[in-house]
Amino acid sequence: MHPGKYRHFDLEASLVRFLVALQSKGIQIPSEIKLLFNADGLPMSKSGSNEFCPILVIIQGYDFVFAAGIYQGREKPADVNVYLKFFAADI
């Protein structure tokens, strides 16, 4: 992905891991879950020029956050549609 690199993580697999973790703790699996999404950029260091832009997923009502994708490059992704393409396909 121009001008950096992107790694996508399977949203469904992450949600299954969450549900299995609930079940292993003896917590009833909810019939409905609400997801919150956040994407923002931050520098990897004070003096460096690398950007780190994760797509984070929060399961509302639970203390569970995971990354759906992570972009890294010297500047923000050139095209937000390309940046969000795999994530949008998962939803």
N, C-alpha and C. Protein backbone atom coordinates (compact mmCIF):
# COMPACT_ATOMS: atom_id res chain seq x y z
N MET A 1 0.86 -1.18 0.00
CA MET A 1 0.00 0.00 0.00
C MET A 1 0.90 1.23 0.00
N HIS A 2 0.70 2.06 -0.96
CA HIS A 2 1.53 3.25 -1.11
C HIS A 2 1.17 4.29 -0.04
N PRO A 3 2.08 4.94 0.61
CA PRO A 3 3.53 4.81 0.51
C PRO A 3 4.15 3.92 1.60
N GLY A 4 3.37 3.08 2.25
CA GLY A 4 3.90 2.25 3.34
C GLY A 4 3.47 0.80 3.21
N LYS A 5 3.33 0.15 4.37
CA LYS A 5 2.94 -1.26 4.42
C LYS A 5 1.70 -1.41 5.29
N TYR A 6 0.87 -2.38 4.95
CA TYR A 6 -0.37 -2.63 5.69
C TYR A 6 -0.49 -4.11 6.00
N ARG A 7 -0.91 -4.42 7.22
CA ARG A 7 -1.17 -5.81 7.63
C ARG A 7 -2.60 -5.87 8.14
N HIS A 8 -3.38 -6.76 7.54
CA HIS A 8 -4.78 -6.91 7.93
C HIS A 8 -4.94 -8.14 8.80
N PHE A 9 -5.80 -8.04 9.82
CA PHE A 9 -6.10 -9.15 10.71
C PHE A 9 -7.57 -9.51 10.55
N ASP A 10 -7.86 -10.78 10.48
CA ASP A 10 -9.20 -11.28 10.23
C ASP A 10 -10.15 -10.91 11.37
N LEU A 11 -11.13 -10.08 11.08
CA LEU A 11 -12.09 -9.61 12.08
C LEU A 11 -12.90 -10.77 12.67
N GLU A 12 -13.35 -11.67 11.81
CA GLU A 12 -14.15 -12.80 12.29
C GLU A 12 -13.35 -13.68 13.25
N ALA A 13 -12.10 -13.96 12.93
CA ALA A 13 -11.26 -14.79 13.79
C ALA A 13 -11.05 -14.13 15.15
N SER A 14 -10.89 -12.82 15.17
CA SER A 14 -10.71 -12.10 16.44
C SER A 14 -11.98 -12.15 17.28
N LEU A 15 -13.13 -12.03 16.64
CA LEU A 15 -14.40 -12.11 17.37
C LEU A 15 -14.62 -13.52 17.92
N VAL A 16 -14.26 -14.53 17.16
CA VAL A 16 -14.38 -15.92 17.64
C VAL A 16 -13.48 -16.12 18.86
N ARG A 17 -12.25 -15.60 18.82
CA ARG A 17 -11.35 -15.70 19.98
C ARG A 17 -11.97 -15.05 21.21
N PHE A 18 -12.61 -13.91 21.02
CA PHE A 18 -13.28 -13.21 22.12
C PHE A 18 -14.39 -14.08 22.71
N LEU A 19 -15.22 -14.66 21.85
CA LEU A 19 -16.34 -15.49 22.32
C LEU A 19 -15.85 -16.75 23.02
N VAL A 20 -14.79 -17.35 22.50
CA VAL A 20 -14.20 -18.54 23.14
C VAL A 20 -13.64 -18.16 24.51
N ALA A 21 -13.02 -17.00 24.62
CA ALA A 21 -12.48 -16.54 25.91
C ALA A 21 -13.61 -16.35 26.92
N LEU A 22 -14.73 -15.77 26.48
CA LEU A 22 -15.88 -15.62 27.37
C LEU A 22 -16.36 -16.98 27.86
N GLN A 23 -16.52 -17.88 26.92
CA GLN A 23 -17.03 -19.21 27.23
C GLN A 23 -16.10 -19.95 28.20
N SER A 24 -14.80 -19.82 28.01
CA SER A 24 -13.84 -20.51 28.88
C SER A 24 -13.85 -19.95 30.30
N LYS A 25 -14.31 -18.70 30.45
CA LYS A 25 -14.42 -18.09 31.78
C LYS A 25 -15.79 -18.33 32.40
N GLY A 26 -16.64 -19.07 31.70
CA GLY A 26 -17.97 -19.36 32.21
C GLY A 26 -18.95 -18.21 32.06
N ILE A 27 -18.61 -17.24 31.21
CA ILE A 27 -19.47 -16.09 30.97
C ILE A 27 -20.39 -16.42 29.80
N GLN A 28 -21.67 -16.13 29.97
CA GLN A 28 -22.64 -16.42 28.91
C GLN A 28 -22.32 -15.60 27.67
N ILE A 29 -22.38 -16.24 26.53
CA ILE A 29 -22.15 -15.55 25.26
C ILE A 29 -23.38 -14.71 24.94
N PRO A 30 -23.18 -13.40 24.70
CA PRO A 30 -24.33 -12.54 24.41
C PRO A 30 -24.95 -12.85 23.06
N SER A 31 -26.24 -12.56 22.93
CA SER A 31 -26.93 -12.78 21.65
C SER A 31 -26.60 -11.66 20.66
N GLU A 32 -26.09 -10.56 21.17
CA GLU A 32 -25.74 -9.41 20.33
C GLU A 32 -24.51 -8.74 20.91
N ILE A 33 -23.59 -8.33 20.04
CA ILE A 33 -22.45 -7.53 20.49
C ILE A 33 -22.38 -6.28 19.64
N LYS A 34 -21.93 -5.19 20.27
CA LYS A 34 -21.78 -3.92 19.57
C LYS A 34 -20.30 -3.61 19.46
N LEU A 35 -19.89 -3.22 18.26
CA LEU A 35 -18.49 -2.93 18.00
C LEU A 35 -18.31 -1.43 17.76
N LEU A 36 -17.23 -0.90 18.28
CA LEU A 36 -16.82 0.48 18.02
C LEU A 36 -15.51 0.41 17.25
N PHE A 37 -15.36 1.25 16.24
CA PHE A 37 -14.16 1.25 15.42
C PHE A 37 -13.47 2.60 15.53
N ASN A 38 -12.14 2.58 15.49
CA ASN A 38 -11.36 3.80 15.56
C ASN A 38 -10.12 3.64 14.70
N ALA A 39 -9.82 4.62 13.91
CA ALA A 39 -8.59 4.63 13.11
C ALA A 39 -7.95 6.00 13.27
N ASP A 40 -6.70 6.01 13.67
CA ASP A 40 -6.00 7.27 13.87
C ASP A 40 -4.51 7.02 13.68
N GLY A 41 -3.79 8.05 13.33
CA GLY A 41 -2.35 7.92 13.13
C GLY A 41 -1.57 8.49 14.30
N LEU A 42 -0.38 7.94 14.50
CA LEU A 42 0.51 8.45 15.53
C LEU A 42 1.94 8.19 15.09
N PRO A 43 2.86 9.07 15.52
CA PRO A 43 4.26 8.85 15.14
C PRO A 43 4.85 7.67 15.92
N MET A 44 5.77 6.94 15.28
CA MET A 44 6.39 5.80 15.96
C MET A 44 7.46 6.26 16.95
N SER A 45 8.00 7.46 16.74
CA SER A 45 8.97 8.02 17.68
C SER A 45 8.96 9.54 17.54
N LYS A 46 9.52 10.23 18.52
CA LYS A 46 9.55 11.69 18.48
C LYS A 46 10.39 12.21 17.32
N SER A 47 11.53 11.59 17.10
CA SER A 47 12.46 12.12 16.10
C SER A 47 12.31 11.47 14.72
N GLY A 48 11.57 10.38 14.63
CA GLY A 48 11.45 9.67 13.36
C GLY A 48 10.32 10.20 12.50
N SER A 49 10.31 9.75 11.25
CA SER A 49 9.26 10.21 10.34
C SER A 49 8.25 9.10 10.04
N ASN A 50 8.36 7.98 10.73
CA ASN A 50 7.42 6.88 10.49
C ASN A 50 6.09 7.10 11.18
N GLU A 51 5.01 6.80 10.46
CA GLU A 51 3.63 6.88 10.96
C GLU A 51 3.14 5.47 11.26
N PHE A 52 2.32 5.36 12.27
CA PHE A 52 1.70 4.10 12.66
C PHE A 52 0.21 4.38 12.72
N CYS A 53 -0.60 3.69 11.90
CA CYS A 53 -2.04 3.95 11.83
C CYS A 53 -2.83 2.65 12.02
N PRO A 54 -3.17 2.32 13.26
CA PRO A 54 -3.96 1.10 13.49
C PRO A 54 -5.45 1.34 13.29
N ILE A 55 -6.15 0.29 12.89
CA ILE A 55 -7.62 0.28 12.91
C ILE A 55 -7.98 -0.58 14.12
N LEU A 56 -8.55 0.05 15.14
CA LEU A 56 -8.86 -0.65 16.38
C LEU A 56 -10.34 -0.97 16.48
N VAL A 57 -10.64 -2.11 17.08
CA VAL A 57 -12.01 -2.55 17.30
C VAL A 57 -12.20 -2.73 18.80
N ILE A 58 -13.25 -2.13 19.34
CA ILE A 58 -13.58 -2.24 20.76
C ILE A 58 -14.93 -2.93 20.85
N ILE A 59 -15.01 -3.94 21.70
CA ILE A 59 -16.29 -4.60 21.93
C ILE A 59 -16.94 -3.89 23.11
N GLN A 60 -18.01 -3.18 22.80
CA GLN A 60 -18.69 -2.33 23.78
C GLN A 60 -19.21 -3.17 24.95
N GLY A 61 -18.92 -2.68 26.17
CA GLY A 61 -19.38 -3.35 27.38
C GLY A 61 -18.41 -4.39 27.91
N TYR A 62 -17.32 -4.62 27.19
CA TYR A 62 -16.30 -5.58 27.59
C TYR A 62 -14.93 -4.92 27.52
N ASP A 63 -14.01 -5.40 28.30
CA ASP A 63 -12.65 -4.87 28.29
C ASP A 63 -11.84 -5.64 27.24
N PHE A 64 -12.18 -5.44 25.96
CA PHE A 64 -11.55 -6.20 24.89
C PHE A 64 -11.35 -5.29 23.68
N VAL A 65 -10.10 -5.06 23.33
CA VAL A 65 -9.73 -4.23 22.18
C VAL A 65 -8.76 -5.04 21.32
N PHE A 66 -8.92 -4.98 20.01
CA PHE A 66 -7.98 -5.66 19.13
C PHE A 66 -7.80 -4.86 17.85
N ALA A 67 -6.70 -5.13 17.16
CA ALA A 67 -6.41 -4.45 15.90
C ALA A 67 -7.00 -5.23 14.74
N ALA A 68 -7.70 -4.53 13.86
CA ALA A 68 -8.22 -5.14 12.64
C ALA A 68 -7.23 -4.95 11.50
N GLY A 69 -6.37 -3.95 11.62
CA GLY A 69 -5.36 -3.68 10.62
C GLY A 69 -4.36 -2.66 11.14
N ILE A 70 -3.16 -2.71 10.61
CA ILE A 70 -2.12 -1.75 11.01
C ILE A 70 -1.37 -1.30 9.77
N TYR A 71 -1.27 0.01 9.61
CA TYR A 71 -0.50 0.61 8.52
C TYR A 71 0.74 1.25 9.11
N GLN A 72 1.86 1.15 8.40
CA GLN A 72 3.10 1.80 8.81
C GLN A 72 3.77 2.37 7.57
N GLY A 73 4.18 3.63 7.67
CA GLY A 73 4.85 4.26 6.54
C GLY A 73 5.45 5.59 6.94
N ARG A 74 6.13 6.23 6.02
CA ARG A 74 6.76 7.53 6.29
C ARG A 74 5.74 8.67 6.29
N GLU A 75 4.56 8.40 5.77
CA GLU A 75 3.46 9.37 5.80
C GLU A 75 2.14 8.60 5.81
N LYS A 76 1.05 9.30 5.98
CA LYS A 76 -0.27 8.65 6.03
C LYS A 76 -0.55 7.93 4.70
N PRO A 77 -1.45 6.94 4.72
CA PRO A 77 -1.79 6.26 3.46
C PRO A 77 -2.27 7.26 2.41
N ALA A 78 -1.84 7.05 1.17
CA ALA A 78 -2.18 7.98 0.09
C ALA A 78 -3.67 7.97 -0.22
N ASP A 79 -4.33 6.82 -0.08
CA ASP A 79 -5.75 6.70 -0.41
C ASP A 79 -6.48 6.00 0.74
N VAL A 80 -7.35 6.71 1.42
CA VAL A 80 -8.07 6.14 2.57
C VAL A 80 -8.94 4.96 2.15
N ASN A 81 -9.45 4.97 0.93
CA ASN A 81 -10.27 3.85 0.45
C ASN A 81 -9.45 2.56 0.36
N VAL A 82 -8.22 2.66 -0.08
CA VAL A 82 -7.34 1.50 -0.14
C VAL A 82 -6.99 1.05 1.28
N TYR A 83 -6.72 2.01 2.16
CA TYR A 83 -6.40 1.73 3.57
C TYR A 83 -7.53 0.95 4.25
N LEU A 84 -8.77 1.30 3.97
CA LEU A 84 -9.92 0.67 4.63
C LEU A 84 -10.54 -0.48 3.83
N LYS A 85 -10.01 -0.80 2.66
CA LYS A 85 -10.61 -1.79 1.76
C LYS A 85 -10.82 -3.16 2.43
N PHE A 86 -9.79 -3.73 3.02
CA PHE A 86 -9.91 -5.06 3.63
C PHE A 86 -10.81 -5.03 4.86
N PHE A 87 -10.71 -3.97 5.63
CA PHE A 87 -11.55 -3.82 6.82
C PHE A 87 -13.02 -3.73 6.41
N ALA A 88 -13.32 -2.91 5.41
CA ALA A 88 -14.70 -2.76 4.94
C ALA A 88 -15.24 -4.08 4.40
N ALA A 89 -14.41 -4.86 3.74
CA ALA A 89 -14.84 -6.16 3.22
C ALA A 89 -15.18 -7.12 4.36
N ASP A 90 -14.46 -7.02 5.48
CA ASP A 90 -14.73 -7.86 6.65
C ASP A 90 -16.08 -7.55 7.29
N ILE A 91 -16.44 -6.28 7.27
CA ILE A 91 -17.68 -5.87 7.93
C ILE A 91 -18.85 -6.27 7.06
